[in-house]
């Protein structure tokens, strides 16, 4: 009869592996907690300017000139909505709606046209497709500044210079190359079998695009929409060139409040916060799609 006994070496190895396993789990948990702490601190630092802008917009001009915004922690009575009332009474509301009238069409048109063009570049065979796509990619490096004067002359000839449609068309034209590039990279990652099955069922290309491809592209479309919305909403250069006083967005209206030797803090602070809060809410609402869209086309 044979008796099995564990060797001392084997026992020590098992105990060492157990200790290493416990230690590694402790380190992983501590490391995860440290990472979360660092991320929370970074998020607070990132939100600190926004908080400061909000407090400044709620304080009187004399309080902002005499003390820092952080003193509201000890003197909360300083906070008032008078600045916002004065801002709305100064005609800033019209600039806000001008911004909406420029940003929303410019975003929706870019998404619509870019999605159709990206589908054609990804799944429709036609002569010169690759060469035309290379031209679209080349347009990504064209700076806006070199097109300002020629397009301004063309707008003057067409009679749309200084109007909202002129600003929208400019944003759409310069937003399409990047939009087509982004969506095309996502569309080529869709399994070909889905499109072939739809064609076998007798679906036309338009129906395949509308019912199969576009619904699957929600992450990329949301990411593109955030990019385009933020770019148009925060634009100042195009507004300065192509928008007159009646069509000026918030960025141009705020810029016009700058003094030669100072600033209208009681007007600029609430106006800047109003122009900031809407893109911020939009980003947080669609951040999940934004991250997925950034990874669109990177893996298959």
Protein backbone atom coordinates (compact mmCIF):
# COMPACT_ATOMS: atom_id res chain seq x y z
CA UNK A 1 0.00 0.00 0.00
CA UNK A 2 1.44 3.34 -1.11
CA UNK A 3 1.05 6.46 1.01
CA UNK A 4 0.98 9.86 -0.77
CA UNK A 5 2.61 12.73 1.09
CA UNK A 6 2.97 16.35 0.01
CA UNK A 7 6.49 17.57 -0.35
CA UNK A 8 7.59 20.64 1.62
CA UNK A 9 8.62 22.34 -1.60
CA UNK A 10 5.19 21.87 -3.13
CA UNK A 11 3.46 23.17 -0.01
CA UNK A 12 5.63 26.29 0.10
CA UNK A 13 5.02 26.95 -3.60
CA UNK A 14 1.24 26.70 -3.10
CA UNK A 15 1.37 29.03 -0.08
CA UNK A 16 3.51 31.52 -2.04
CA UNK A 17 1.12 31.45 -4.98
CA UNK A 18 -1.80 32.03 -2.61
CA UNK A 19 -0.05 34.99 -0.99
CA UNK A 20 0.80 36.45 -4.41
CA UNK A 21 -2.81 36.02 -5.53
CA UNK A 22 -4.16 37.80 -2.47
CA UNK A 23 -1.55 40.54 -2.79
CA UNK A 24 -2.30 41.06 -6.48
CA UNK A 25 -6.03 41.38 -5.76
CA UNK A 26 -5.31 43.98 -3.06
CA UNK A 27 -3.08 45.93 -5.43
CA UNK A 28 -5.69 45.76 -8.19
CA UNK A 29 -8.40 47.06 -5.86
CA UNK A 30 -6.15 49.78 -4.49
CA UNK A 31 -5.03 50.70 -7.99
CA UNK A 32 -8.62 50.87 -9.21
CA UNK A 33 -9.57 53.10 -6.30
CA UNK A 34 -6.57 55.33 -6.95
CA UNK A 35 -7.49 55.66 -10.61
CA UNK A 36 -11.04 56.60 -9.69
CA UNK A 37 -9.77 59.17 -7.19
CA UNK A 38 -7.49 60.72 -9.80
CA UNK A 39 -10.32 60.84 -12.34
CA UNK A 40 -12.63 62.51 -9.80
CA UNK A 41 -9.98 65.13 -9.01
CA UNK A 42 -9.39 65.80 -12.71
CA UNK A 43 -13.15 66.11 -13.29
CA UNK A 44 -13.44 68.63 -10.45
CA UNK A 45 -10.56 70.67 -11.88
CA UNK A 46 -12.23 70.53 -15.31
CA UNK A 47 -15.54 71.76 -13.90
CA UNK A 48 -13.95 74.44 -11.70
CA UNK A 49 -13.85 77.15 -14.44
CA UNK A 50 -17.49 76.41 -15.25
CA UNK A 51 -18.44 76.81 -11.60
CA UNK A 52 -16.46 80.04 -11.40
CA UNK A 53 -18.17 81.40 -14.52
CA UNK A 54 -21.58 80.52 -13.09
CA UNK A 55 -20.84 82.30 -9.79
CA UNK A 56 -19.42 85.37 -11.57
CA UNK A 57 -22.56 85.54 -13.72
CA UNK A 58 -24.68 85.58 -10.54
CA UNK A 59 -22.72 88.34 -8.74
CA UNK A 60 -23.03 92.08 -9.13
CA UNK A 61 -20.38 93.92 -11.11
CA UNK A 62 -19.05 95.74 -8.04
CA UNK A 63 -18.66 92.45 -6.16
CA UNK A 64 -16.72 90.91 -9.05
CA UNK A 65 -14.43 93.93 -9.19
CA UNK A 66 -13.70 93.93 -5.44
CA UNK A 67 -13.44 90.25 -4.47
CA UNK A 68 -12.93 86.84 -6.04
CA UNK A 69 -15.81 84.61 -7.01
CA UNK A 70 -14.95 82.07 -4.28
CA UNK A 71 -16.07 84.50 -1.58
CA UNK A 72 -19.66 83.54 -2.33
CA UNK A 73 -19.12 80.53 -0.05
CA UNK A 74 -19.06 82.90 2.92
CA UNK A 75 -21.41 85.51 1.41
CA UNK A 76 -24.13 83.66 -0.52
CA UNK A 77 -26.31 86.78 -0.42
CA UNK A 78 -24.16 88.15 -3.25
CA UNK A 79 -25.86 85.85 -5.74
CA UNK A 80 -28.60 87.44 -7.84
CA UNK A 81 -30.27 86.94 -11.20
CA UNK A 82 -30.12 90.64 -12.11
CA UNK A 83 -27.34 90.04 -14.64
CA UNK A 84 -29.46 87.54 -16.54
CA UNK A 85 -32.41 89.92 -16.50
CA UNK A 86 -30.25 92.70 -17.92
CA UNK A 87 -28.81 90.32 -20.51
CA UNK A 88 -32.22 89.27 -21.78
CA UNK A 89 -33.38 92.88 -21.81
CA UNK A 90 -30.37 93.88 -23.95
CA UNK A 91 -31.55 91.85 -26.96
CA UNK A 92 -29.34 88.84 -26.36
CA UNK A 93 -32.35 86.57 -26.84
CA UNK A 94 -32.34 87.31 -30.58
CA UNK A 95 -28.68 86.25 -30.81
CA UNK A 96 -29.50 83.04 -28.96
CA UNK A 97 -32.21 82.10 -31.45
CA UNK A 98 -29.92 83.09 -34.32
CA UNK A 99 -27.39 80.62 -32.94
CA UNK A 100 -30.04 77.92 -32.81
CA UNK A 101 -31.21 78.77 -36.34
CA UNK A 102 -27.62 78.40 -37.59
CA UNK A 103 -26.47 75.40 -35.57
CA UNK A 104 -29.43 73.03 -35.91
CA UNK A 105 -29.75 73.16 -39.74
CA UNK A 106 -25.97 73.08 -40.19
CA UNK A 107 -25.77 69.95 -38.04
CA UNK A 108 -28.74 68.12 -39.56
CA UNK A 109 -27.77 68.91 -43.15
CA UNK A 110 -24.21 67.72 -42.62
CA UNK A 111 -25.42 64.46 -41.06
CA UNK A 112 -27.95 63.82 -43.84
CA UNK A 113 -25.74 64.58 -46.83
CA UNK A 114 -22.66 62.97 -45.29
CA UNK A 115 -24.52 59.76 -44.44
CA UNK A 116 -25.78 59.35 -48.01
CA UNK A 117 -22.38 60.13 -49.51
CA UNK A 118 -20.60 57.82 -47.05
CA UNK A 119 -22.95 54.96 -47.94
CA UNK A 120 -22.20 55.47 -51.63
CA UNK A 121 -18.44 55.50 -51.01
CA UNK A 122 -18.66 52.40 -48.84
CA UNK A 123 -21.09 50.09 -50.65
CA UNK A 124 -21.94 51.35 -54.13
CA UNK A 125 -19.61 50.66 -57.03
CA UNK A 126 -19.31 53.52 -59.53
CA UNK A 127 -16.49 54.81 -61.78
CA UNK A 128 -13.99 57.04 -60.02
CA UNK A 129 -15.23 56.21 -56.54
CA UNK A 130 -11.80 55.88 -54.93
CA UNK A 131 -10.42 58.95 -56.68
CA UNK A 132 -13.40 61.03 -55.59
CA UNK A 133 -13.02 59.81 -52.02
CA UNK A 134 -9.37 60.87 -52.06
CA UNK A 135 -10.51 64.34 -53.13
CA UNK A 136 -12.86 64.43 -50.15
CA UNK A 137 -9.99 63.47 -47.85
CA UNK A 138 -7.81 66.16 -49.41
CA UNK A 139 -10.46 68.76 -48.57
CA UNK A 140 -9.88 68.02 -44.88
CA UNK A 141 -6.63 69.98 -44.97
CA UNK A 142 -8.07 73.06 -46.70
CA UNK A 143 -8.08 75.91 -44.15
CA UNK A 144 -11.20 77.98 -43.75
CA UNK A 145 -9.32 81.26 -44.03
CA UNK A 146 -8.44 80.88 -47.72
CA UNK A 147 -12.12 80.50 -48.65
CA UNK A 148 -13.48 83.51 -46.77
CA UNK A 149 -12.91 86.17 -49.43
CA UNK A 150 -13.98 84.11 -52.50
CA UNK A 151 -17.13 82.90 -50.80
CA UNK A 152 -17.90 86.39 -49.50
CA UNK A 153 -17.78 87.68 -53.08
CA UNK A 154 -19.99 84.81 -54.25
CA UNK A 155 -22.47 85.47 -51.43
CA UNK A 156 -22.57 89.14 -52.42
CA UNK A 157 -23.38 88.15 -56.00
CA UNK A 158 -26.13 85.77 -54.82
CA UNK A 159 -27.53 88.26 -52.35
CA UNK A 160 -27.17 86.09 -49.24
CA UNK A 161 -24.18 87.82 -47.65
CA UNK A 162 -24.87 88.66 -44.00
CA UNK A 163 -27.82 86.28 -43.73
CA UNK A 164 -28.38 83.12 -41.69
CA UNK A 165 -28.64 80.85 -44.79
CA UNK A 166 -25.23 82.07 -45.93
CA UNK A 167 -23.65 81.15 -42.57
CA UNK A 168 -25.38 77.74 -42.60
CA UNK A 169 -24.18 76.93 -46.13
CA UNK A 170 -20.60 77.78 -45.20
CA UNK A 171 -20.67 75.49 -42.17
CA UNK A 172 -22.25 72.69 -44.18
CA UNK A 173 -19.65 72.95 -46.95
CA UNK A 174 -16.70 72.78 -44.56
CA UNK A 175 -18.28 70.17 -42.30
CA UNK A 176 -18.99 67.62 -45.02
CA UNK A 177 -15.44 66.30 -45.71
CA UNK A 178 -14.80 65.21 -42.13
CA UNK A 179 -18.36 63.90 -41.78
CA UNK A 180 -18.09 61.77 -44.92
CA UNK A 181 -14.71 60.44 -43.83
CA UNK A 182 -15.99 59.48 -40.36
CA UNK A 183 -19.22 57.82 -41.48
CA UNK A 184 -17.63 56.00 -44.39
CA UNK A 185 -15.12 54.37 -42.04
CA UNK A 186 -18.02 53.19 -39.88
CA UNK A 187 -20.14 51.95 -42.79
CA UNK A 188 -17.39 49.73 -44.21
CA UNK A 189 -17.29 47.90 -40.88
CA UNK A 190 -20.91 46.76 -41.20
CA UNK A 191 -21.09 43.07 -42.19
CA UNK A 192 -21.58 42.69 -45.91
CA UNK A 193 -23.97 39.78 -45.34
CA UNK A 194 -26.61 42.15 -43.94
CA UNK A 195 -26.68 44.18 -47.12
CA UNK A 196 -26.67 41.10 -49.33
CA UNK A 197 -29.60 39.63 -47.42
CA UNK A 198 -31.55 42.86 -47.87
CA UNK A 199 -30.81 42.90 -51.60
CA UNK A 200 -31.95 39.29 -51.89
CA UNK A 201 -35.25 40.36 -50.31
CA UNK A 202 -35.65 42.92 -53.09
CA UNK A 203 -34.74 46.03 -51.12
CA UNK A 204 -33.45 48.99 -53.11
CA UNK A 205 -30.29 50.85 -52.13
CA UNK A 206 -32.27 53.68 -50.57
CA UNK A 207 -34.26 51.28 -48.41
CA UNK A 208 -31.09 49.42 -47.38
CA UNK A 209 -29.53 52.72 -46.35
CA UNK A 210 -32.59 53.90 -44.41
CA UNK A 211 -33.57 50.65 -42.68
CA UNK A 212 -30.30 48.72 -42.29
CA UNK A 213 -27.19 50.90 -42.46
CA UNK A 214 -28.32 54.18 -40.90
CA UNK A 215 -29.90 52.62 -37.76
CA UNK A 216 -26.69 50.68 -37.13
CA UNK A 217 -24.68 53.90 -37.40
CA UNK A 218 -26.24 55.64 -34.39
CA UNK A 219 -22.94 55.82 -32.42
CA UNK A 220 -21.07 57.35 -35.35
CA UNK A 221 -23.94 59.71 -36.19
CA UNK A 222 -24.19 60.87 -32.56
CA UNK A 223 -20.44 61.45 -32.41
CA UNK A 224 -20.54 63.40 -35.67
CA UNK A 225 -23.52 65.40 -34.47
CA UNK A 226 -21.67 66.42 -31.29
CA UNK A 227 -18.57 67.44 -33.24
CA UNK A 228 -20.54 69.49 -35.77
CA UNK A 229 -22.84 71.05 -33.17
CA UNK A 230 -19.95 72.20 -30.97
CA UNK A 231 -17.97 73.54 -33.92
CA UNK A 232 -20.87 75.61 -35.28
CA UNK A 233 -22.19 76.69 -31.86
CA UNK A 234 -18.80 78.03 -30.72
CA UNK A 235 -17.76 79.53 -34.07
CA UNK A 236 -16.75 83.18 -34.14
CA UNK A 237 -14.68 83.62 -37.31
CA UNK A 238 -17.40 82.67 -39.79
CA UNK A 239 -19.96 84.72 -37.86
CA UNK A 240 -17.72 87.81 -37.92
CA UNK A 241 -17.33 87.57 -41.69
CA UNK A 242 -20.73 86.41 -42.94
CA UNK A 243 -23.30 87.44 -40.30
CA UNK A 244 -24.59 90.99 -40.00
CA UNK A 245 -26.14 92.52 -36.90
CA UNK A 246 -29.57 91.01 -37.57
CA UNK A 247 -28.17 87.49 -38.05
CA UNK A 248 -25.34 87.53 -35.51
CA UNK A 249 -25.03 84.49 -33.18
CA UNK A 250 -24.13 84.63 -29.51
CA UNK A 251 -20.37 84.52 -30.09
CA UNK A 252 -20.45 87.67 -32.20
CA UNK A 253 -22.88 89.36 -29.81
CA UNK A 254 -20.54 88.65 -26.88
CA UNK A 255 -17.54 89.87 -28.85
CA UNK A 256 -19.32 93.15 -29.54
CA UNK A 257 -19.61 93.71 -25.76
CA UNK A 258 -15.85 93.93 -25.34
CA UNK A 259 -14.65 97.39 -24.35
CA UNK A 260 -11.37 98.97 -25.34
CA UNK A 261 -10.02 99.10 -21.79
CA UNK A 262 -12.22 96.57 -20.03
CA UNK A 263 -15.14 94.23 -20.32
CA UNK A 264 -18.81 94.20 -19.45
CA UNK A 265 -18.49 91.34 -16.98
CA UNK A 266 -22.12 91.69 -15.94
CA UNK A 267 -23.10 90.99 -19.58
CA UNK A 268 -20.29 88.72 -20.75
CA UNK A 269 -20.40 86.28 -17.82
CA UNK A 270 -24.09 85.32 -18.06
CA UNK A 271 -23.91 85.32 -21.85
CA UNK A 272 -20.86 83.08 -21.85
CA UNK A 273 -22.48 80.70 -19.37
CA UNK A 274 -25.64 80.44 -21.47
CA UNK A 275 -23.55 79.71 -24.55
CA UNK A 276 -21.58 77.09 -22.58
CA UNK A 277 -24.31 75.19 -20.77
CA UNK A 278 -26.17 73.89 -23.83
CA UNK A 279 -23.14 72.18 -25.46
CA UNK A 280 -22.16 70.85 -22.04
CA UNK A 281 -25.58 69.28 -21.50
CA UNK A 282 -25.52 67.87 -25.02
CA UNK A 283 -22.13 66.28 -24.48
CA UNK A 284 -23.09 64.63 -21.20
CA UNK A 285 -26.38 63.41 -22.67
CA UNK A 286 -24.66 61.68 -25.61
CA UNK A 287 -21.24 60.87 -24.16
CA UNK A 288 -21.85 57.12 -24.44
CA UNK A 289 -22.46 57.42 -28.18
CA UNK A 290 -19.58 59.88 -28.43
CA UNK A 291 -17.05 57.34 -27.13
CA UNK A 292 -18.47 54.59 -29.35
CA UNK A 293 -18.32 56.90 -32.34
CA UNK A 294 -14.68 57.77 -31.70
CA UNK A 295 -13.89 54.05 -32.02
CA UNK A 296 -15.96 53.68 -35.19
CA UNK A 297 -14.02 51.92 -37.90
CA UNK A 298 -10.96 51.31 -35.71
CA UNK A 299 -11.67 47.60 -35.35
CA UNK A 300 -13.65 45.07 -37.35
